[in-house]
Amino acid sequence: MRPSAVMEYCWLLAELARTWLFTGFPWLVSGYAHVDSPLAALAPWLGVLGIGGLASAFAALLSHALRAPHASALALALLAVLAWTGPTSHSRAGATLNVSLLQSNVPQDEKFVIEQLPTTLAWLADTLRAARGPLVVAPETAIPLLPSQLNDVAPGYLEALSEHFGQRGRAGLIGIPLGDYDRGYSNSVIGLTQAAAGAQPYRYDKQHLVPFGEFIPAGFRWFTELMNIPLGDFMRGSHNPPSFAFAGERWAPNICYEDLYGDELALRFRDEATAPTAFVNLSNIAWFGDTIALDQHLHISRMRALEFQRPMLRATNTGATVIIDHRGHVTQSLKPYTRGVLQGGAQGREGLTPFAWWASRFSLWPLALFAALVVVCAVLLKRRAAAAVV
């Protein structure tokens, strides 16, 4: 086995390590470069990491073609087959629902300033009430206060929103921290809609937290206390939370960079009867300012839509606030760094893609085991060949 064959699978193992080690940060692994290429047709089968591994294999094959022309023909033939075949549908369309996605455009240096909060909260309440879509989504920490703090600044605020969305045929998903300093708090989403008497409002708590931003990794608390660094320490949510049921669909929230982790989102698809029919990402990446991070995060969300063949609604503070269909196409969008409301339609989907099926059961281990097996076999063959020469 030629050396390049080992390197391409080491590439895949390295990207898997980026996904898992130290809580993982697979931001822009190589497969995202192919969200608009013929290889995107493989997203429902292999996921973004499988695409990245296959792309590296194609690159190695084309490089090898300098010495073996038949390899070039094989690589081009495989690409042609992918381009001709196109994506395969593994999901069934549901009804289309009108949605309203809020983009609040609050500067990060003003988001938690007490003097600015009344203005921010007033705009949010007025916009939530005026939104035309039956389902309204506000970004991560659109309400930037714990409930007890909110009641001090704007008494009755949540109760008024609950009453508004308690009307038949109305629902809201709103980013807000929940809990208190004594029992712990979480970066959360509340779901408000008409509910049975005595039923608790829907709640989703962020599970994949940001190290040193939302939690202090084990073994580092002494350092943050010594340096007097005021870091958050949020509680984690469930690995497999329920979706928000509304209008016959199951809307699955995820917060900020949680949509980087396709293997974690896949856990929600283990039972097809309760699997999400649509994703909803609530983000605030104003931390990064006017940078390419917004476009990069949009690419990531598009890949998740392709892997699971589910629409992805994105309601963000500064962008990109968009509606992505199950084919990974942006169908409606708001201009970034503006305040406004995106009105559009989203169509839920039923059914499981192959990636959703195997990743929900085995995580990304099939990719890791395959790549490791190839590398081990290559090393053994190389040793065997060296021994034969001696």
Protein backbone atom coordinates (compact mmCIF):
# COMPACT_ATOMS: atom_id res chain seq x y z
CA MET A 1 0.00 0.00 0.00
CA ARG A 2 1.47 3.36 -1.06
CA PRO A 3 2.34 5.96 1.64
CA SER A 4 -0.36 8.39 0.47
CA ALA A 5 -3.01 5.77 1.23
CA VAL A 6 -1.92 5.86 4.86
CA MET A 7 -1.84 9.67 5.01
CA GLU A 8 -5.40 10.14 3.74
CA TYR A 9 -6.79 7.93 6.50
CA CYS A 10 -4.55 9.59 9.08
CA TRP A 11 -6.20 12.83 7.92
CA LEU A 12 -9.60 11.37 8.77
CA LEU A 13 -8.36 10.19 12.17
CA ALA A 14 -6.96 13.67 12.87
CA GLU A 15 -10.33 15.29 12.09
CA LEU A 16 -12.08 12.76 14.31
CA ALA A 17 -9.65 13.71 17.09
CA ARG A 18 -10.59 17.37 16.58
CA THR A 19 -14.23 16.35 17.05
CA TRP A 20 -13.71 14.42 20.28
CA LEU A 21 -10.64 15.57 22.22
CA PHE A 22 -10.97 18.25 24.94
CA THR A 23 -14.76 18.46 24.32
CA GLY A 24 -14.04 18.83 20.56
CA PHE A 25 -13.96 21.76 18.19
CA PRO A 26 -14.50 20.52 14.60
CA TRP A 27 -15.02 24.03 13.22
CA LEU A 28 -14.52 23.84 9.46
CA VAL A 29 -13.20 20.32 9.08
CA SER A 30 -12.35 19.79 5.41
CA GLY A 31 -15.69 18.26 4.42
CA TYR A 32 -17.43 21.63 4.75
CA ALA A 33 -15.61 22.78 1.62
CA HIS A 34 -17.88 20.41 -0.34
CA VAL A 35 -21.30 21.64 0.78
CA ASP A 36 -21.86 22.84 -2.83
CA SER A 37 -19.75 20.20 -4.62
CA PRO A 38 -20.78 16.81 -6.06
CA LEU A 39 -19.52 15.19 -2.86
CA ALA A 40 -22.43 16.84 -1.00
CA ALA A 41 -24.56 13.98 -2.33
CA LEU A 42 -22.76 11.73 0.17
CA ALA A 43 -23.67 13.84 3.23
CA PRO A 44 -26.80 11.77 4.06
CA TRP A 45 -24.63 8.64 3.87
CA LEU A 46 -21.24 9.51 5.37
CA GLY A 47 -21.60 12.88 7.10
CA VAL A 48 -19.11 15.73 6.85
CA LEU A 49 -16.16 13.74 8.21
CA GLY A 50 -16.75 10.91 5.76
CA ILE A 51 -16.83 13.44 2.94
CA GLY A 52 -13.56 14.96 4.15
CA GLY A 53 -11.92 11.55 4.26
CA LEU A 54 -13.16 10.68 0.78
CA ALA A 55 -12.00 14.04 -0.57
CA SER A 56 -8.50 13.39 0.77
CA ALA A 57 -8.59 9.96 -0.89
CA PHE A 58 -9.51 11.59 -4.22
CA ALA A 59 -6.66 14.04 -3.81
CA ALA A 60 -4.21 11.22 -3.15
CA LEU A 61 -5.55 9.29 -6.12
CA LEU A 62 -5.12 12.25 -8.47
CA SER A 63 -1.60 12.80 -7.13
CA HIS A 64 -0.80 9.15 -7.75
CA ALA A 65 -2.11 9.59 -11.30
CA LEU A 66 1.11 11.38 -12.21
CA ARG A 67 2.71 7.94 -12.08
CA ALA A 68 -0.34 5.86 -12.97
CA PRO A 69 -2.75 7.50 -15.49
CA HIS A 70 -5.41 4.84 -14.93
CA ALA A 71 -5.83 6.13 -11.35
CA SER A 72 -6.74 9.57 -12.70
CA ALA A 73 -9.38 8.06 -14.95
CA LEU A 74 -10.83 6.16 -11.99
CA ALA A 75 -11.00 9.28 -9.81
CA LEU A 76 -12.66 11.34 -12.54
CA ALA A 77 -15.11 8.52 -13.23
CA LEU A 78 -16.13 8.39 -9.56
CA LEU A 79 -16.64 12.17 -9.45
CA ALA A 80 -18.71 11.99 -12.65
CA VAL A 81 -20.93 9.30 -11.13
CA LEU A 82 -21.52 11.46 -8.05
CA ALA A 83 -22.30 14.54 -10.14
CA TRP A 84 -24.69 12.60 -12.36
CA THR A 85 -26.43 10.75 -9.53
CA GLY A 86 -27.05 13.77 -7.29
CA PRO A 87 -28.50 13.55 -3.78
CA THR A 88 -30.87 10.71 -2.87
CA SER A 89 -34.01 11.52 -0.91
CA HIS A 90 -34.38 9.65 2.36
CA SER A 91 -37.11 11.83 3.84
CA ARG A 92 -40.74 12.68 3.20
CA ALA A 93 -42.20 16.19 3.09
CA GLY A 94 -44.63 17.44 5.69
CA ALA A 95 -46.73 20.59 5.73
CA THR A 96 -45.21 24.06 5.28
CA LEU A 97 -45.47 26.41 8.25
CA ASN A 98 -44.87 30.16 8.18
CA VAL A 99 -42.19 31.22 10.66
CA SER A 100 -40.77 34.51 11.94
CA LEU A 101 -37.09 34.62 12.89
CA LEU A 102 -35.84 37.59 14.92
CA GLN A 103 -32.43 39.21 14.46
CA SER A 104 -31.92 41.59 17.37
CA ASN A 105 -28.47 43.00 16.39
CA VAL A 106 -27.50 43.97 19.94
CA PRO A 107 -23.77 44.86 20.16
CA GLN A 108 -21.95 42.45 22.42
CA ASP A 109 -20.52 45.27 24.55
CA GLU A 110 -24.08 46.49 25.23
CA LYS A 111 -25.88 43.16 25.63
CA PHE A 112 -25.50 42.96 29.42
CA VAL A 113 -25.35 46.69 30.21
CA ILE A 114 -28.13 47.37 32.69
CA GLU A 115 -28.96 50.79 31.22
CA GLN A 116 -29.54 49.24 27.77
CA LEU A 117 -31.73 46.37 28.93
CA PRO A 118 -35.10 48.17 29.07
CA THR A 119 -34.74 49.28 25.43
CA THR A 120 -33.63 45.81 24.29
CA LEU A 121 -36.40 44.04 26.19
CA ALA A 122 -39.07 46.44 24.93
CA TRP A 123 -38.05 45.87 21.30
CA LEU A 124 -38.05 42.11 21.82
CA ALA A 125 -41.50 42.03 23.43
CA ASP A 126 -43.04 44.30 20.79
CA THR A 127 -41.48 42.31 17.93
CA LEU A 128 -42.50 38.93 19.35
CA ARG A 129 -46.11 40.12 19.60
CA ALA A 130 -46.16 41.70 16.14
CA ALA A 131 -44.54 38.75 14.30
CA ARG A 132 -46.88 37.28 11.70
CA GLY A 133 -45.69 33.67 11.66
CA PRO A 134 -47.44 31.13 13.90
CA LEU A 135 -43.95 30.07 15.08
CA VAL A 136 -41.63 32.88 16.24
CA VAL A 137 -37.98 32.31 17.17
CA ALA A 138 -35.73 34.74 19.07
CA PRO A 139 -31.92 34.24 19.32
CA GLU A 140 -29.70 32.78 22.01
CA THR A 141 -29.96 34.87 25.21
CA ALA A 142 -32.38 37.24 23.50
CA ILE A 143 -33.47 37.75 27.09
CA PRO A 144 -30.02 38.09 28.73
CA LEU A 145 -31.21 37.79 32.34
CA LEU A 146 -32.12 35.00 34.70
CA PRO A 147 -35.88 35.01 35.49
CA SER A 148 -35.38 36.54 38.96
CA GLN A 149 -33.21 39.31 37.48
CA LEU A 150 -35.71 39.86 34.68
CA ASN A 151 -38.52 40.33 37.16
CA ASP A 152 -36.52 43.10 38.85
CA VAL A 153 -35.93 44.95 35.56
CA ALA A 154 -39.28 44.26 33.84
CA PRO A 155 -41.91 42.81 36.22
CA GLY A 156 -44.37 40.41 34.57
CA TYR A 157 -42.36 40.20 31.34
CA LEU A 158 -42.37 36.42 30.93
CA GLU A 159 -45.96 36.15 32.12
CA ALA A 160 -47.08 38.59 29.40
CA LEU A 161 -45.23 36.62 26.72
CA SER A 162 -46.71 33.36 28.00
CA GLU A 163 -50.20 34.85 27.77
CA HIS A 164 -49.58 36.04 24.21
CA PHE A 165 -48.28 32.68 22.99
CA GLY A 166 -50.93 30.85 24.97
CA GLN A 167 -53.38 31.77 22.23
CA ARG A 168 -54.36 28.90 19.97
CA GLY A 169 -52.10 28.48 16.95
CA ARG A 170 -49.21 30.58 18.32
CA ALA A 171 -45.79 29.45 19.57
CA GLY A 172 -42.47 31.05 20.47
CA LEU A 173 -38.96 29.69 21.00
CA ILE A 174 -36.90 32.23 22.95
CA GLY A 175 -33.30 32.12 24.16
CA ILE A 176 -32.92 32.85 27.88
CA PRO A 177 -30.70 31.65 30.77
CA LEU A 178 -32.74 29.67 33.30
CA GLY A 179 -32.18 28.76 36.95
CA ASP A 180 -30.48 30.75 39.69
CA TYR A 181 -27.09 31.21 41.31
CA ASP A 182 -27.91 28.93 44.26
CA ARG A 183 -29.18 25.85 42.38
CA GLY A 184 -27.34 26.43 39.11
CA TYR A 185 -28.24 27.93 35.76
CA SER A 186 -28.27 26.92 32.11
CA ASN A 187 -28.11 28.47 28.65
CA SER A 188 -31.61 27.60 27.55
CA VAL A 189 -34.55 27.96 25.20
CA ILE A 190 -38.12 28.22 26.42
CA GLY A 191 -41.01 27.12 24.23
CA LEU A 192 -44.25 29.00 24.79
CA THR A 193 -47.55 27.81 23.32
CA GLN A 194 -51.03 26.74 24.36
CA ALA A 195 -50.64 23.87 26.81
CA ALA A 196 -52.76 21.66 29.01
CA ALA A 197 -53.62 23.05 32.43
CA GLY A 198 -50.76 22.62 34.86
CA ALA A 199 -48.25 21.60 32.17
CA GLN A 200 -44.76 23.06 32.42
CA PRO A 201 -43.50 25.17 29.49
CA TYR A 202 -41.10 23.47 27.09
CA ARG A 203 -37.46 23.88 28.01
CA TYR A 204 -34.24 23.03 26.17
CA ASP A 205 -30.87 23.37 27.94
CA LYS A 206 -27.63 23.63 25.99
CA GLN A 207 -25.65 20.41 26.35
CA HIS A 208 -22.35 21.05 24.56
CA LEU A 209 -20.89 23.94 26.51
CA VAL A 210 -17.95 26.17 25.57
CA PRO A 211 -14.83 25.46 27.71
CA PHE A 212 -13.81 28.50 29.80
CA GLY A 213 -16.79 30.39 28.40
CA GLU A 214 -19.71 28.38 29.79
CA PHE A 215 -17.95 25.94 32.07
CA ILE A 216 -14.58 25.49 33.75
CA PRO A 217 -12.88 22.22 32.71
CA ALA A 218 -11.91 19.78 35.45
CA GLY A 219 -8.58 20.65 37.00
CA PHE A 220 -8.65 24.34 36.05
CA ARG A 221 -10.92 25.83 38.71
CA TRP A 222 -7.95 26.59 40.97
CA PHE A 223 -6.45 28.67 38.17
CA THR A 224 -9.59 30.70 37.46
CA GLU A 225 -10.08 31.35 41.18
CA LEU A 226 -6.42 32.32 41.65
CA MET A 227 -6.60 34.75 38.71
CA ASN A 228 -10.08 35.95 39.74
CA ILE A 229 -11.45 35.31 36.25
CA PRO A 230 -15.27 35.74 36.22
CA LEU A 231 -16.15 32.76 34.02
CA GLY A 232 -19.60 31.23 33.72
CA ASP A 233 -20.24 27.71 34.96
CA PHE A 234 -23.47 26.54 33.35
CA MET A 235 -25.25 23.24 33.92
CA ARG A 236 -25.45 20.81 31.00
CA GLY A 237 -28.68 19.73 29.39
CA SER A 238 -29.71 16.24 28.31
CA HIS A 239 -27.84 14.38 25.54
CA ASN A 240 -31.15 13.41 23.91
CA PRO A 241 -33.71 16.12 24.71
CA PRO A 242 -37.29 16.06 23.44
CA SER A 243 -38.28 18.29 20.55
CA PHE A 244 -40.77 21.15 20.76
CA ALA A 245 -44.08 19.86 19.41
CA PHE A 246 -46.07 22.44 17.48
CA ALA A 247 -48.30 22.45 14.37
CA GLY A 248 -47.79 18.73 13.81
CA GLU A 249 -43.99 19.06 13.65
CA ARG A 250 -41.14 18.33 16.07
CA TRP A 251 -38.82 21.35 16.22
CA ALA A 252 -35.39 20.48 17.68
CA PRO A 253 -33.51 23.46 19.16
CA ASN A 254 -29.75 23.68 19.33
CA ILE A 255 -27.79 26.63 20.69
CA CYS A 256 -24.82 28.39 19.11
CA TYR A 257 -22.07 26.00 18.03
CA GLU A 258 -23.97 22.84 19.04
CA ASP A 259 -24.77 22.34 15.36
CA LEU A 260 -21.07 21.57 14.78
CA TYR A 261 -21.63 18.16 16.32
CA GLY A 262 -23.60 16.04 13.88
CA ASP A 263 -22.95 12.92 15.94
CA GLU A 264 -24.60 14.53 18.97
CA LEU A 265 -27.59 15.79 16.99
CA ALA A 266 -27.91 12.25 15.59
CA LEU A 267 -28.81 10.93 19.05
CA ARG A 268 -32.21 12.54 18.62
CA PHE A 269 -32.90 10.23 15.65
CA ARG A 270 -32.54 6.89 17.41
CA ASP A 271 -36.33 6.55 17.60
CA GLU A 272 -37.83 7.56 14.26
CA ALA A 273 -41.25 8.14 15.84
CA THR A 274 -39.89 10.98 18.00
CA ALA A 275 -37.08 12.17 15.71
CA PRO A 276 -37.00 15.89 14.86
CA THR A 277 -38.75 16.99 11.70
CA ALA A 278 -36.85 20.31 11.70
CA PHE A 279 -33.86 21.92 13.45
CA VAL A 280 -33.86 25.37 15.04
CA ASN A 281 -30.49 27.01 15.76
CA LEU A 282 -30.48 29.97 18.16
CA SER A 283 -27.12 31.76 18.11
CA ASN A 284 -25.27 34.83 19.29
CA ILE A 285 -21.85 35.03 17.67
CA ALA A 286 -21.59 38.80 18.01
CA TRP A 287 -18.47 37.89 20.01
CA PHE A 288 -16.68 37.52 16.65
CA GLY A 289 -17.81 40.88 15.26
CA ASP A 290 -17.85 41.51 11.51
CA THR A 291 -15.78 38.49 10.51
CA ILE A 292 -15.99 35.45 8.27
CA ALA A 293 -17.22 33.42 11.27
CA LEU A 294 -20.84 34.18 10.31
CA ASP A 295 -20.45 32.66 6.84
CA GLN A 296 -18.54 29.72 8.26
CA HIS A 297 -21.29 28.95 10.77
CA LEU A 298 -23.86 29.16 7.98
CA HIS A 299 -21.88 26.55 6.01
CA ILE A 300 -21.90 24.30 9.07
CA SER A 301 -25.68 24.58 9.44
CA ARG A 302 -26.16 23.81 5.76
CA MET A 303 -24.15 20.61 6.13
CA ARG A 304 -26.33 19.50 9.06
CA ALA A 305 -29.41 20.03 6.88
CA LEU A 306 -27.83 17.83 4.21
CA GLU A 307 -26.79 15.07 6.62
CA PHE A 308 -30.24 14.67 8.16
CA GLN A 309 -32.36 16.02 5.28
CA ARG A 310 -34.09 18.38 7.68
CA PRO A 311 -34.69 22.13 7.36
CA MET A 312 -32.65 24.35 9.67
CA LEU A 313 -34.06 27.63 10.96
CA ARG A 314 -31.39 30.03 12.22
CA ALA A 315 -32.42 32.94 14.46
CA THR A 316 -29.30 34.89 15.43
CA ASN A 317 -28.29 38.14 17.07
CA THR A 318 -26.16 39.53 14.22
CA GLY A 319 -26.45 36.85 11.48
CA ALA A 320 -26.71 34.70 9.60
CA THR A 321 -30.49 34.59 10.18
CA VAL A 322 -31.76 32.28 7.45
CA ILE A 323 -34.09 29.44 6.50
CA ILE A 324 -32.27 26.41 5.08
CA ASP A 325 -34.24 23.66 3.34
CA HIS A 326 -33.56 19.92 3.61
CA ARG A 327 -31.22 20.07 0.60
CA GLY A 328 -28.94 22.56 2.33
CA HIS A 329 -30.12 25.53 0.24
CA VAL A 330 -30.72 28.94 1.83
CA THR A 331 -34.25 29.87 0.79
CA GLN A 332 -34.67 33.13 2.75
CA SER A 333 -32.21 35.32 4.62
CA LEU A 334 -31.77 38.63 6.45
CA LYS A 335 -28.92 41.03 5.87
CA PRO A 336 -26.37 40.52 8.68
CA TYR A 337 -25.73 43.25 11.27
CA THR A 338 -29.23 44.67 10.92
CA ARG A 339 -32.27 44.50 13.20
CA GLY A 340 -35.30 42.85 11.70
CA VAL A 341 -37.59 39.85 11.28
CA LEU A 342 -37.26 37.16 8.62
CA GLN A 343 -40.63 35.88 7.40
CA GLY A 344 -40.68 32.63 5.46
CA GLY A 345 -41.88 29.07 5.20
CA ALA A 346 -40.35 25.88 6.59
CA GLN A 347 -41.35 22.35 5.62
CA GLY A 348 -40.79 19.60 8.19
CA ARG A 349 -39.54 16.17 7.03
CA GLU A 350 -40.01 12.58 8.21
CA GLY A 351 -37.72 9.60 7.65
CA LEU A 352 -34.11 8.74 8.45
CA THR A 353 -31.01 9.22 6.33
CA PRO A 354 -28.40 6.44 6.52
CA PHE A 355 -26.11 8.82 8.43
CA ALA A 356 -28.86 9.57 10.98
CA TRP A 357 -29.44 5.83 11.44
CA TRP A 358 -25.85 4.69 12.01
CA ALA A 359 -24.57 7.81 13.81
CA SER A 360 -27.49 7.67 16.27
CA ARG A 361 -26.45 4.14 17.23
CA PHE A 362 -22.67 4.07 16.86
CA SER A 363 -21.64 7.74 16.87
CA LEU A 364 -18.63 8.27 14.56
CA TRP A 365 -16.89 5.05 15.58
CA PRO A 366 -17.50 3.28 12.22
CA LEU A 367 -15.42 5.97 10.49
CA ALA A 368 -12.72 5.81 13.16
CA LEU A 369 -12.49 2.02 13.10
CA PHE A 370 -12.37 1.89 9.30
CA ALA A 371 -9.61 4.49 9.08
CA ALA A 372 -7.62 2.87 11.90
CA LEU A 373 -7.95 -0.55 10.26
CA VAL A 374 -6.61 0.78 6.96
CA VAL A 375 -3.65 2.46 8.68
CA VAL A 376 -2.81 -0.67 10.71
CA CYS A 377 -3.02 -2.88 7.61
CA ALA A 378 -0.76 -0.47 5.70
CA VAL A 379 1.84 -0.53 8.46
CA LEU A 380 1.76 -4.33 8.66
CA LEU A 381 2.10 -4.65 4.89
CA LYS A 382 5.03 -2.25 4.88
CA ARG A 383 6.79 -4.24 7.60
CA ARG A 384 6.11 -7.47 5.75
CA ALA A 385 7.53 -6.05 2.54
CA ALA A 386 10.61 -4.78 4.37
CA ALA A 387 11.15 -8.19 5.96
CA ALA A 388 10.85 -9.89 2.56
CA VAL A 389 13.57 -7.62 1.13
CA VAL A 390 15.91 -8.52 3.99
